[in-house]
Amino acid sequence: MRRWQGIHSTKSYVRGEVSTNTVEGFFSIFKRGMKGVYQHCSEQHLNRYLAEFDFRYNTRKITDAERRDEALRGIEGKRLMYRRPDKRANQQA
């Protein structure tokens, strides 16, 4: 795996489509959301928060309606459960 290193003496912060601004922009959106909306994130659920902000960052240039449609396409066929249902509890119901 080849590592990219910026050459600081030439102020090189961009190479092709790779830029330090990309990481800074993503982190800015993530930090703003964590401080403003969620205020706490456990390590157990960090991947879910990062996935949400990844979606927000990647869809930042489309309209709210297009973003809504994209989110709904992503949840099609999936079931959200906080815990796995207990087999005994389902049999009694």
Foldseek 3Di string as FASTA:
>chain_A
DDDDDADVVVPDQDDPPHGPVLVVVLVVQLVCCCVPPVVDDDPVCVVVSSVVSVLCSVCVPDDPVVSVVVVVVVCPPHDDDPDDDDPVVVVVD
